[in-house]
Amino acid sequence: MENTEGIDEPTDNMGYLGISEWYRGEKKVLRPISEKEFMFILYKNNKLKEIMMSIKEIDKDHNGYITRVELDDIMKLHYKELSYRNISPLINKFSSISNKILIDYK
């Protein structure tokens, strides 16, 4: 775990890929993305079925949660247009109240 979002907010640094950020290759400069742009990308190339299949692969106990980094990785694997975009602010809106690392994907 690492503190990245705030002083008391640890994050999962391994994500869906199972490798730390250090080993993911080049450091990307992420540009911000608006909700409107994000929704247009999702609408233009709907891969929500594939995303849910990837999520269910992770969530074996069906508790309805995955980590922020896992969701970020999954979205960027399925939508190449998001590779250099910072979608964390959009994802963080769905964080669990009791554990900020977890996202309620339902």
PDB file of N, CA and C in Angstrom:
ATOM      1  N   MET A   1       0.834  -1.183   0.000  1.00  0.00           N
ATOM      2  CA  MET A   1       0.000   0.000   0.000  1.00  0.00           C
ATOM      3  C   MET A   1       0.881   1.249   0.000  1.00  0.00           C
ATOM      4  N   GLU A   2       0.373   2.272  -0.610  1.00  0.00           N
ATOM      5  CA  GLU A   2       1.078   3.551  -0.646  1.00  0.00           C
ATOM      6  C   GLU A   2       0.105   4.661  -0.327  1.00  0.00           C
ATOM      7  N   ASN A   3       0.585   5.739   0.227  1.00  0.00           N
ATOM      8  CA  ASN A   3      -0.235   6.941   0.406  1.00  0.00           C
ATOM      9  C   ASN A   3      -0.062   7.804  -0.823  1.00  0.00           C
ATOM     10  N   THR A   4      -1.151   7.999  -1.572  1.00  0.00           N
ATOM     11  CA  THR A   4      -1.025   8.823  -2.767  1.00  0.00           C
ATOM     12  C   THR A   4      -2.088   9.892  -2.855  1.00  0.00           C
ATOM     13  N   GLU A   5      -3.307   9.583  -2.494  1.00  0.00           N
ATOM     14  CA  GLU A   5      -4.398  10.530  -2.654  1.00  0.00           C
ATOM     15  C   GLU A   5      -4.393  11.588  -1.561  1.00  0.00           C
ATOM     16  N   GLY A   6      -4.058  11.218  -0.378  1.00  0.00           N
ATOM     17  CA  GLY A   6      -4.030  12.138   0.744  1.00  0.00           C
ATOM     18  C   GLY A   6      -3.213  11.508   1.855  1.00  0.00           C
ATOM     19  N   ILE A   7      -3.068  12.204   2.923  1.00  0.00           N
ATOM     20  CA  ILE A   7      -2.235  11.724   4.024  1.00  0.00           C
ATOM     21  C   ILE A   7      -2.717  10.379   4.553  1.00  0.00           C
ATOM     22  N   ASP A   8      -4.015  10.225   4.754  1.00  0.00           N
ATOM     23  CA  ASP A   8      -4.548   9.006   5.336  1.00  0.00           C
ATOM     24  C   ASP A   8      -5.262   8.108   4.330  1.00  0.00           C
ATOM     25  N   GLU A   9      -4.959   8.251   3.055  1.00  0.00           N
ATOM     26  CA  GLU A   9      -5.641   7.462   2.043  1.00  0.00           C
ATOM     27  C   GLU A   9      -4.665   6.543   1.325  1.00  0.00           C
ATOM     28  N   PRO A  10      -4.496   5.313   1.802  1.00  0.00           N
ATOM     29  CA  PRO A  10      -3.617   4.376   1.088  1.00  0.00           C
ATOM     30  C   PRO A  10      -4.267   3.927  -0.210  1.00  0.00           C
ATOM     31  N   THR A  11      -3.461   3.404  -1.121  1.00  0.00           N
ATOM     32  CA  THR A  11      -3.981   2.910  -2.387  1.00  0.00           C
ATOM     33  C   THR A  11      -3.322   1.587  -2.740  1.00  0.00           C
ATOM     34  N   ASP A  12      -3.965   0.845  -3.579  1.00  0.00           N
ATOM     35  CA  ASP A  12      -3.442  -0.420  -4.073  1.00  0.00           C
ATOM     36  C   ASP A  12      -2.480  -0.102  -5.204  1.00  0.00           C
ATOM     37  N   ASN A  13      -1.199  -0.379  -5.022  1.00  0.00           N
ATOM     38  CA  ASN A  13      -0.247  -0.027  -6.072  1.00  0.00           C
ATOM     39  C   ASN A  13      -0.007  -1.150  -7.068  1.00  0.00           C
ATOM     40  N   MET A  14      -0.636  -2.312  -6.897  1.00  0.00           N
ATOM     41  CA  MET A  14      -0.462  -3.426  -7.821  1.00  0.00           C
ATOM     42  C   MET A  14      -1.524  -3.431  -8.915  1.00  0.00           C
ATOM     43  N   GLY A  15      -2.755  -3.092  -8.576  1.00  0.00           N
ATOM     44  CA  GLY A  15      -3.815  -2.991  -9.558  1.00  0.00           C
ATOM     45  C   GLY A  15      -4.203  -4.301 -10.208  1.00  0.00           C
ATOM     46  N   TYR A  16      -4.902  -4.210 -11.299  1.00  0.00           N
ATOM     47  CA  TYR A  16      -5.404  -5.363 -12.039  1.00  0.00           C
ATOM     48  C   TYR A  16      -4.280  -6.118 -12.729  1.00  0.00           C
ATOM     49  N   LEU A  17      -3.248  -5.394 -13.129  1.00  0.00           N
ATOM     50  CA  LEU A  17      -2.150  -6.012 -13.864  1.00  0.00           C
ATOM     51  C   LEU A  17      -1.264  -6.874 -12.978  1.00  0.00           C
ATOM     52  N   GLY A  18      -1.338  -6.665 -11.666  1.00  0.00           N
ATOM     53  CA  GLY A  18      -0.534  -7.449 -10.733  1.00  0.00           C
ATOM     54  C   GLY A  18       0.928  -7.059 -10.705  1.00  0.00           C
ATOM     55  N   ILE A  19       1.242  -5.897 -11.236  1.00  0.00           N
ATOM     56  CA  ILE A  19       2.613  -5.397 -11.187  1.00  0.00           C
ATOM     57  C   ILE A  19       2.578  -3.969 -10.687  1.00  0.00           C
ATOM     58  N   SER A  20       3.591  -3.607  -9.931  1.00  0.00           N
ATOM     59  CA  SER A  20       3.582  -2.265  -9.356  1.00  0.00           C
ATOM     60  C   SER A  20       3.809  -1.213 -10.432  1.00  0.00           C
ATOM     61  N   GLU A  21       3.487   0.014 -10.098  1.00  0.00           N
ATOM     62  CA  GLU A  21       3.646   1.136 -11.025  1.00  0.00           C
ATOM     63  C   GLU A  21       5.090   1.254 -11.505  1.00  0.00           C
ATOM     64  N   TRP A  22       6.026   0.934 -10.623  1.00  0.00           N
ATOM     65  CA  TRP A  22       7.447   1.003 -10.951  1.00  0.00           C
ATOM     66  C   TRP A  22       7.769   0.118 -12.160  1.00  0.00           C
ATOM     67  N   TYR A  23       7.121  -1.057 -12.253  1.00  0.00           N
ATOM     68  CA  TYR A  23       7.420  -2.002 -13.324  1.00  0.00           C
ATOM     69  C   TYR A  23       6.470  -1.905 -14.518  1.00  0.00           C
ATOM     70  N   ARG A  24       5.580  -0.967 -14.520  1.00  0.00           N
ATOM     71  CA  ARG A  24       4.620  -0.841 -15.618  1.00  0.00           C
ATOM     72  C   ARG A  24       5.212  -0.171 -16.842  1.00  0.00           C
ATOM     73  N   GLY A  25       6.427   0.267 -16.748  1.00  0.00           N
ATOM     74  CA  GLY A  25       7.042   0.896 -17.918  1.00  0.00           C
ATOM     75  C   GLY A  25       7.162   2.384 -17.718  1.00  0.00           C
ATOM     76  N   GLU A  26       7.114   3.086 -18.813  1.00  0.00           N
ATOM     77  CA  GLU A  26       7.317   4.531 -18.778  1.00  0.00           C
ATOM     78  C   GLU A  26       6.296   5.234 -17.890  1.00  0.00           C
ATOM     79  N   LYS A  27       6.738   6.264 -17.235  1.00  0.00           N
ATOM     80  CA  LYS A  27       5.831   7.117 -16.469  1.00  0.00           C
ATOM     81  C   LYS A  27       5.052   7.972 -17.446  1.00  0.00           C
ATOM     82  N   LYS A  28       3.749   7.906 -17.367  1.00  0.00           N
ATOM     83  CA  LYS A  28       2.912   8.664 -18.291  1.00  0.00           C
ATOM     84  C   LYS A  28       2.501   9.985 -17.647  1.00  0.00           C
ATOM     85  N   VAL A  29       2.493  11.011 -18.459  1.00  0.00           N
ATOM     86  CA  VAL A  29       1.954  12.290 -18.023  1.00  0.00           C
ATOM     87  C   VAL A  29       0.471  12.240 -18.347  1.00  0.00           C
ATOM     88  N   LEU A  30      -0.337  12.212 -17.308  1.00  0.00           N
ATOM     89  CA  LEU A  30      -1.781  12.060 -17.484  1.00  0.00           C
ATOM     90  C   LEU A  30      -2.458  13.408 -17.585  1.00  0.00           C
ATOM     91  N   ARG A  31      -3.257  13.563 -18.630  1.00  0.00           N
ATOM     92  CA  ARG A  31      -4.028  14.790 -18.809  1.00  0.00           C
ATOM     93  C   ARG A  31      -5.379  14.608 -18.141  1.00  0.00           C
ATOM     94  N   PRO A  32      -5.957  15.667 -17.609  1.00  0.00           N
ATOM     95  CA  PRO A  32      -7.291  15.567 -17.007  1.00  0.00           C
ATOM     96  C   PRO A  32      -8.332  15.261 -18.081  1.00  0.00           C
ATOM     97  N   ILE A  33      -9.457  14.713 -17.648  1.00  0.00           N
ATOM     98  CA  ILE A  33     -10.557  14.411 -18.554  1.00  0.00           C
ATOM     99  C   ILE A  33     -11.855  14.860 -17.892  1.00  0.00           C
ATOM    100  N   SER A  34     -12.736  15.425 -18.672  1.00  0.00           N
ATOM    101  CA  SER A  34     -14.030  15.859 -18.129  1.00  0.00           C
ATOM    102  C   SER A  34     -14.996  14.678 -18.123  1.00  0.00           C
ATOM    103  N   GLU A  35     -16.040  14.814 -17.335  1.00  0.00           N
ATOM    104  CA  GLU A  35     -17.059  13.767 -17.311  1.00  0.00           C
ATOM    105  C   GLU A  35     -17.695  13.604 -18.684  1.00  0.00           C
ATOM    106  N   LYS A  36     -17.889  14.709 -19.371  1.00  0.00           N
ATOM    107  CA  LYS A  36     -18.504  14.675 -20.699  1.00  0.00           C
ATOM    108  C   LYS A  36     -17.633  13.893 -21.687  1.00  0.00           C
ATOM    109  N   GLU A  37     -16.322  14.164 -21.689  1.00  0.00           N
ATOM    110  CA  GLU A  37     -15.400  13.429 -22.562  1.00  0.00           C
ATOM    111  C   GLU A  37     -15.381  11.946 -22.224  1.00  0.00           C
ATOM    112  N   PHE A  38     -15.336  11.656 -20.924  1.00  0.00           N
ATOM    113  CA  PHE A  38     -15.300  10.276 -20.450  1.00  0.00           C
ATOM    114  C   PHE A  38     -16.546   9.512 -20.914  1.00  0.00           C
ATOM    115  N   MET A  39     -17.705  10.125 -20.741  1.00  0.00           N
ATOM    116  CA  MET A  39     -18.956   9.478 -21.146  1.00  0.00           C
ATOM    117  C   MET A  39     -19.012   9.307 -22.664  1.00  0.00           C
ATOM    118  N   PHE A  40     -18.488  10.256 -23.420  1.00  0.00           N
ATOM    119  CA  PHE A  40     -18.465  10.129 -24.875  1.00  0.00           C
ATOM    120  C   PHE A  40     -17.612   8.939 -25.304  1.00  0.00           C
ATOM    121  N   ILE A  41     -16.457   8.754 -24.671  1.00  0.00           N
ATOM    122  CA  ILE A  41     -15.583   7.614 -24.989  1.00  0.00           C
ATOM    123  C   ILE A  41     -16.296   6.300 -24.675  1.00  0.00           C
ATOM    124  N   LEU A  42     -16.962   6.239 -23.528  1.00  0.00           N
ATOM    125  CA  LEU A  42     -17.701   5.023 -23.165  1.00  0.00           C
ATOM    126  C   LEU A  42     -18.838   4.756 -24.137  1.00  0.00           C
ATOM    127  N   TYR A  43     -19.543   5.802 -24.527  1.00  0.00           N
ATOM    128  CA  TYR A  43     -20.686   5.665 -25.433  1.00  0.00           C
ATOM    129  C   TYR A  43     -20.238   5.278 -26.847  1.00  0.00           C
ATOM    130  N   LYS A  44     -19.163   5.896 -27.310  1.00  0.00           N
ATOM    131  CA  LYS A  44     -18.665   5.673 -28.667  1.00  0.00           C
ATOM    132  C   LYS A  44     -18.224   4.228 -28.886  1.00  0.00           C
ATOM    133  N   ASN A  45     -17.609   3.649 -27.893  1.00  0.00           N
ATOM    134  CA  ASN A  45     -17.047   2.313 -28.029  1.00  0.00           C
ATOM    135  C   ASN A  45     -17.424   1.495 -26.795  1.00  0.00           C
ATOM    136  N   ASN A  46     -18.666   1.078 -26.708  1.00  0.00           N
ATOM    137  CA  ASN A  46     -19.200   0.428 -25.515  1.00  0.00           C
ATOM    138  C   ASN A  46     -18.553  -0.932 -25.279  1.00  0.00           C
ATOM    139  N   LYS A  47     -17.782  -1.016 -24.203  1.00  0.00           N
ATOM    140  CA  LYS A  47     -17.134  -2.265 -23.809  1.00  0.00           C
ATOM    141  C   LYS A  47     -17.481  -2.612 -22.358  1.00  0.00           C
ATOM    142  N   LEU A  48     -18.629  -2.145 -21.906  1.00  0.00           N
ATOM    143  CA  LEU A  48     -18.995  -2.354 -20.509  1.00  0.00           C
ATOM    144  C   LEU A  48     -19.156  -3.835 -20.172  1.00  0.00           C
ATOM    145  N   LYS A  49     -19.583  -4.647 -21.119  1.00  0.00           N
ATOM    146  CA  LYS A  49     -19.705  -6.087 -20.877  1.00  0.00           C
ATOM    147  C   LYS A  49     -18.331  -6.692 -20.577  1.00  0.00           C
ATOM    148  N   GLU A  50     -17.325  -6.329 -21.372  1.00  0.00           N
ATOM    149  CA  GLU A  50     -15.968  -6.831 -21.155  1.00  0.00           C
ATOM    150  C   GLU A  50     -15.393  -6.329 -19.831  1.00  0.00           C
ATOM    151  N   ILE A  51     -15.717  -5.090 -19.496  1.00  0.00           N
ATOM    152  CA  ILE A  51     -15.248  -4.519 -18.232  1.00  0.00           C
ATOM    153  C   ILE A  51     -15.851  -5.277 -17.056  1.00  0.00           C
ATOM    154  N   MET A  52     -17.147  -5.548 -17.115  1.00  0.00           N
ATOM    155  CA  MET A  52     -17.796  -6.294 -16.027  1.00  0.00           C
ATOM    156  C   MET A  52     -17.241  -7.715 -15.922  1.00  0.00           C
ATOM    157  N   MET A  53     -16.897  -8.316 -17.031  1.00  0.00           N
ATOM    158  CA  MET A  53     -16.290  -9.654 -16.978  1.00  0.00           C
ATOM    159  C   MET A  53     -14.928  -9.596 -16.298  1.00  0.00           C
ATOM    160  N   SER A  54     -14.148  -8.570 -16.580  1.00  0.00           N
ATOM    161  CA  SER A  54     -12.848  -8.395 -15.919  1.00  0.00           C
ATOM    162  C   SER A  54     -13.022  -8.156 -14.427  1.00  0.00           C
ATOM    163  N   ILE A  55     -14.023  -7.364 -14.071  1.00  0.00           N
ATOM    164  CA  ILE A  55     -14.282  -7.071 -12.663  1.00  0.00           C
ATOM    165  C   ILE A  55     -14.707  -8.342 -11.925  1.00  0.00           C
ATOM    166  N   LYS A  56     -15.580  -9.114 -12.521  1.00  0.00           N
ATOM    167  CA  LYS A  56     -16.034 -10.352 -11.872  1.00  0.00           C
ATOM    168  C   LYS A  56     -14.905 -11.355 -11.714  1.00  0.00           C
ATOM    169  N   GLU A  57     -13.915 -11.282 -12.581  1.00  0.00           N
ATOM    170  CA  GLU A  57     -12.731 -12.120 -12.476  1.00  0.00           C
ATOM    171  C   GLU A  57     -11.967 -11.797 -11.187  1.00  0.00           C
ATOM    172  N   ILE A  58     -11.959 -10.540 -10.808  1.00  0.00           N
ATOM    173  CA  ILE A  58     -11.270 -10.097  -9.596  1.00  0.00           C
ATOM    174  C   ILE A  58     -12.117 -10.347  -8.352  1.00  0.00           C
ATOM    175  N   ASP A  59     -13.395  -9.999  -8.419  1.00  0.00           N
ATOM    176  CA  ASP A  59     -14.299 -10.033  -7.258  1.00  0.00           C
ATOM    177  C   ASP A  59     -14.912 -11.422  -7.090  1.00  0.00           C
ATOM    178  N   LYS A  60     -14.102 -12.360  -6.650  1.00  0.00           N
ATOM    179  CA  LYS A  60     -14.534 -13.748  -6.517  1.00  0.00           C
ATOM    180  C   LYS A  60     -15.591 -13.942  -5.426  1.00  0.00           C
ATOM    181  N   ASP A  61     -15.537 -13.120  -4.366  1.00  0.00           N
ATOM    182  CA  ASP A  61     -16.525 -13.265  -3.277  1.00  0.00           C
ATOM    183  C   ASP A  61     -17.786 -12.430  -3.516  1.00  0.00           C
ATOM    184  N   HIS A  62     -17.853 -11.730  -4.650  1.00  0.00           N
ATOM    185  CA  HIS A  62     -19.034 -10.952  -5.058  1.00  0.00           C
ATOM    186  C   HIS A  62     -19.476  -9.925  -4.011  1.00  0.00           C
ATOM    187  N   ASN A  63     -18.491  -9.254  -3.401  1.00  0.00           N
ATOM    188  CA  ASN A  63     -18.833  -8.233  -2.413  1.00  0.00           C
ATOM    189  C   ASN A  63     -19.157  -6.882  -3.046  1.00  0.00           C
ATOM    190  N   GLY A  64     -18.920  -6.734  -4.367  1.00  0.00           N
ATOM    191  CA  GLY A  64     -19.277  -5.505  -5.065  1.00  0.00           C
ATOM    192  C   GLY A  64     -18.202  -4.440  -5.081  1.00  0.00           C
ATOM    193  N   TYR A  65     -16.968  -4.790  -4.661  1.00  0.00           N
ATOM    194  CA  TYR A  65     -15.896  -3.801  -4.586  1.00  0.00           C
ATOM    195  C   TYR A  65     -14.633  -4.281  -5.282  1.00  0.00           C
ATOM    196  N   ILE A  66     -13.947  -3.339  -5.930  1.00  0.00           N
ATOM    197  CA  ILE A  66     -12.592  -3.536  -6.425  1.00  0.00           C
ATOM    198  C   ILE A  66     -11.810  -2.278  -6.047  1.00  0.00           C
ATOM    199  N   THR A  67     -10.499  -2.312  -6.205  1.00  0.00           N
ATOM    200  CA  THR A  67      -9.711  -1.133  -5.831  1.00  0.00           C
ATOM    201  C   THR A  67      -9.735  -0.097  -6.949  1.00  0.00           C
ATOM    202  N   ARG A  68      -9.387   1.131  -6.576  1.00  0.00           N
ATOM    203  CA  ARG A  68      -9.332   2.228  -7.558  1.00  0.00           C
ATOM    204  C   ARG A  68      -8.344   1.921  -8.674  1.00  0.00           C
ATOM    205  N   VAL A  69      -7.185   1.396  -8.311  1.00  0.00           N
ATOM    206  CA  VAL A  69      -6.150   1.117  -9.304  1.00  0.00           C
ATOM    207  C   VAL A  69      -6.586  -0.023 -10.223  1.00  0.00           C
ATOM    208  N   GLU A  70      -7.259  -1.027  -9.667  1.00  0.00           N
ATOM    209  CA  GLU A  70      -7.767  -2.110 -10.507  1.00  0.00           C
ATOM    210  C   GLU A  70      -8.745  -1.583 -11.548  1.00  0.00           C
ATOM    211  N   LEU A  71      -9.681  -0.726 -11.123  1.00  0.00           N
ATOM    212  CA  LEU A  71     -10.650  -0.170 -12.059  1.00  0.00           C
ATOM    213  C   LEU A  71      -9.969   0.725 -13.096  1.00  0.00           C
ATOM    214  N   ASP A  72      -9.003   1.511 -12.671  1.00  0.00           N
ATOM    215  CA  ASP A  72      -8.244   2.354 -13.593  1.00  0.00           C
ATOM    216  C   ASP A  72      -7.550   1.487 -14.644  1.00  0.00           C
ATOM    217  N   ASP A  73      -6.887   0.417 -14.201  1.00  0.00           N
ATOM    218  CA  ASP A  73      -6.202  -0.491 -15.125  1.00  0.00           C
ATOM    219  C   ASP A  73      -7.171  -1.129 -16.108  1.00  0.00           C
ATOM    220  N   ILE A  74      -8.301  -1.603 -15.609  1.00  0.00           N
ATOM    221  CA  ILE A  74      -9.293  -2.259 -16.458  1.00  0.00           C
ATOM    222  C   ILE A  74      -9.826  -1.293 -17.504  1.00  0.00           C
ATOM    223  N   MET A  75     -10.166  -0.091 -17.094  1.00  0.00           N
ATOM    224  CA  MET A  75     -10.694   0.906 -18.038  1.00  0.00           C
ATOM    225  C   MET A  75      -9.666   1.227 -19.120  1.00  0.00           C
ATOM    226  N   LYS A  76      -8.418   1.362 -18.731  1.00  0.00           N
ATOM    227  CA  LYS A  76      -7.377   1.719 -19.693  1.00  0.00           C
ATOM    228  C   LYS A  76      -6.999   0.544 -20.596  1.00  0.00           C
ATOM    229  N   LEU A  77      -7.193  -0.675 -20.140  1.00  0.00           N
ATOM    230  CA  LEU A  77      -6.965  -1.840 -20.999  1.00  0.00           C
ATOM    231  C   LEU A  77      -8.030  -1.930 -22.093  1.00  0.00           C
ATOM    232  N   HIS A  78      -9.254  -1.611 -21.745  1.00  0.00           N
ATOM    233  CA  HIS A  78     -10.358  -1.738 -22.694  1.00  0.00           C
ATOM    234  C   HIS A  78     -10.566  -0.491 -23.548  1.00  0.00           C
ATOM    235  N   TYR A  79     -10.185   0.656 -23.039  1.00  0.00           N
ATOM    236  CA  TYR A  79     -10.331   1.917 -23.775  1.00  0.00           C
ATOM    237  C   TYR A  79      -8.959   2.561 -23.922  1.00  0.00           C
ATOM    238  N   LYS A  80      -8.313   2.312 -25.027  1.00  0.00           N
ATOM    239  CA  LYS A  80      -6.959   2.844 -25.260  1.00  0.00           C
ATOM    240  C   LYS A  80      -6.944   4.373 -25.261  1.00  0.00           C
ATOM    241  N   GLU A  81      -8.096   4.993 -25.554  1.00  0.00           N
ATOM    242  CA  GLU A  81      -8.178   6.453 -25.565  1.00  0.00           C
ATOM    243  C   GLU A  81      -7.932   7.044 -24.175  1.00  0.00           C
ATOM    244  N   LEU A  82      -8.089   6.228 -23.147  1.00  0.00           N
ATOM    245  CA  LEU A  82      -7.914   6.694 -21.769  1.00  0.00           C
ATOM    246  C   LEU A  82      -6.493   6.500 -21.246  1.00  0.00           C
ATOM    247  N   SER A  83      -5.618   5.929 -22.059  1.00  0.00           N
ATOM    248  CA  SER A  83      -4.268   5.581 -21.604  1.00  0.00           C
ATOM    249  C   SER A  83      -3.497   6.741 -20.996  1.00  0.00           C
ATOM    250  N   TYR A  84      -3.645   7.916 -21.572  1.00  0.00           N
ATOM    251  CA  TYR A  84      -2.905   9.084 -21.078  1.00  0.00           C
ATOM    252  C   TYR A  84      -3.825  10.102 -20.416  1.00  0.00           C
ATOM    253  N   ARG A  85      -4.947   9.611 -19.897  1.00  0.00           N
ATOM    254  CA  ARG A  85      -5.910  10.494 -19.236  1.00  0.00           C
ATOM    255  C   ARG A  85      -5.993  10.129 -17.757  1.00  0.00           C
ATOM    256  N   ASN A  86      -6.197  11.108 -16.918  1.00  0.00           N
ATOM    257  CA  ASN A  86      -6.337  10.892 -15.476  1.00  0.00           C
ATOM    258  C   ASN A  86      -7.821  10.713 -15.145  1.00  0.00           C
ATOM    259  N   ILE A  87      -8.241   9.463 -14.977  1.00  0.00           N
ATOM    260  CA  ILE A  87      -9.637   9.191 -14.668  1.00  0.00           C
ATOM    261  C   ILE A  87      -9.874   8.996 -13.173  1.00  0.00           C
ATOM    262  N   SER A  88      -8.826   9.116 -12.371  1.00  0.00           N
ATOM    263  CA  SER A  88      -8.948   8.930 -10.922  1.00  0.00           C
ATOM    264  C   SER A  88      -9.990   9.835 -10.270  1.00  0.00           C
ATOM    265  N   PRO A  89     -10.059  11.126 -10.615  1.00  0.00           N
ATOM    266  CA  PRO A  89     -11.087  11.973  -9.989  1.00  0.00           C
ATOM    267  C   PRO A  89     -12.508  11.483 -10.259  1.00  0.00           C
ATOM    268  N   LEU A  90     -12.738  10.896 -11.430  1.00  0.00           N
ATOM    269  CA  LEU A  90     -14.064  10.361 -11.747  1.00  0.00           C
ATOM    270  C   LEU A  90     -14.330   9.072 -10.978  1.00  0.00           C
ATOM    271  N   ILE A  91     -13.311   8.233 -10.862  1.00  0.00           N
ATOM    272  CA  ILE A  91     -13.438   6.956 -10.152  1.00  0.00           C
ATOM    273  C   ILE A  91     -13.623   7.185  -8.660  1.00  0.00           C
ATOM    274  N   ASN A  92     -12.895   8.140  -8.109  1.00  0.00           N
ATOM    275  CA  ASN A  92     -12.918   8.374  -6.660  1.00  0.00           C
ATOM    276  C   ASN A  92     -14.294   8.755  -6.133  1.00  0.00           C
ATOM    277  N   LYS A  93     -15.157   9.252  -6.991  1.00  0.00           N
ATOM    278  CA  LYS A  93     -16.515   9.605  -6.565  1.00  0.00           C
ATOM    279  C   LYS A  93     -17.292   8.389  -6.088  1.00  0.00           C
ATOM    280  N   PHE A  94     -16.858   7.203  -6.479  1.00  0.00           N
ATOM    281  CA  PHE A  94     -17.568   5.975  -6.133  1.00  0.00           C
ATOM    282  C   PHE A  94     -16.860   5.186  -5.041  1.00  0.00           C
ATOM    283  N   SER A  95     -15.924   5.825  -4.338  1.00  0.00           N
ATOM    284  CA  SER A  95     -15.198   5.167  -3.249  1.00  0.00           C
ATOM    285  C   SER A  95     -16.132   4.800  -2.108  1.00  0.00           C
ATOM    286  N   SER A  96     -15.801   3.699  -1.455  1.00  0.00           N
ATOM    287  CA  SER A  96     -16.531   3.272  -0.271  1.00  0.00           C
ATOM    288  C   SER A  96     -16.320   4.290   0.846  1.00  0.00           C
ATOM    289  N   ILE A  97     -17.332   4.526   1.626  1.00  0.00           N
ATOM    290  CA  ILE A  97     -17.220   5.464   2.743  1.00  0.00           C
ATOM    291  C   ILE A  97     -16.260   4.931   3.801  1.00  0.00           C
ATOM    292  N   SER A  98     -16.292   3.631   4.043  1.00  0.00           N
ATOM    293  CA  SER A  98     -15.473   3.048   5.098  1.00  0.00           C
ATOM    294  C   SER A  98     -14.046   2.728   4.651  1.00  0.00           C
ATOM    295  N   ASN A  99     -13.804   2.597   3.354  1.00  0.00           N
ATOM    296  CA  ASN A  99     -12.470   2.270   2.857  1.00  0.00           C
ATOM    297  C   ASN A  99     -12.273   2.964   1.512  1.00  0.00           C
ATOM    298  N   LYS A 100     -11.515   4.046   1.486  1.00  0.00           N
ATOM    299  CA  LYS A 100     -11.348   4.870   0.287  1.00  0.00           C
ATOM    300  C   LYS A 100     -10.619   4.158  -0.859  1.00  0.00           C
ATOM    301  N   ILE A 101      -9.968   3.032  -0.580  1.00  0.00           N
ATOM    302  CA  ILE A 101      -9.295   2.268  -1.638  1.00  0.00           C
ATOM    303  C   ILE A 101     -10.319   1.585  -2.532  1.00  0.00           C
ATOM    304  N   LEU A 102     -11.431   1.180  -1.963  1.00  0.00           N
ATOM    305  CA  LEU A 102     -12.414   0.365  -2.660  1.00  0.00           C
ATOM    306  C   LEU A 102     -13.437   1.194  -3.430  1.00  0.00           C
ATOM    307  N   ILE A 103     -13.812   0.667  -4.584  1.00  0.00           N
ATOM    308  CA  ILE A 103     -14.838   1.277  -5.435  1.00  0.00           C
ATOM    309  C   ILE A 103     -16.020   0.328  -5.515  1.00  0.00           C
ATOM    310  N   ASP A 104     -17.194   0.864  -5.285  1.00  0.00           N
ATOM    311  CA  ASP A 104     -18.417   0.094  -5.436  1.00  0.00           C
ATOM    312  C   ASP A 104     -18.766   0.089  -6.920  1.00  0.00           C
ATOM    313  N   TYR A 105     -18.475  -1.017  -7.600  1.00  0.00           N
ATOM    314  CA  TYR A 105     -18.678  -1.037  -9.051  1.00  0.00           C
ATOM    315  C   TYR A 105     -20.124  -1.263  -9.460  1.00  0.00           C
ATOM    316  N   LYS A 106     -20.964  -1.648  -8.559  1.00  0.00           N
ATOM    317  CA  LYS A 106     -22.371  -1.874  -8.900  1.00  0.00           C
ATOM    318  C   LYS A 106     -23.074  -0.559  -9.073  1.00  0.00           C
TER     319      LYS A 106
END
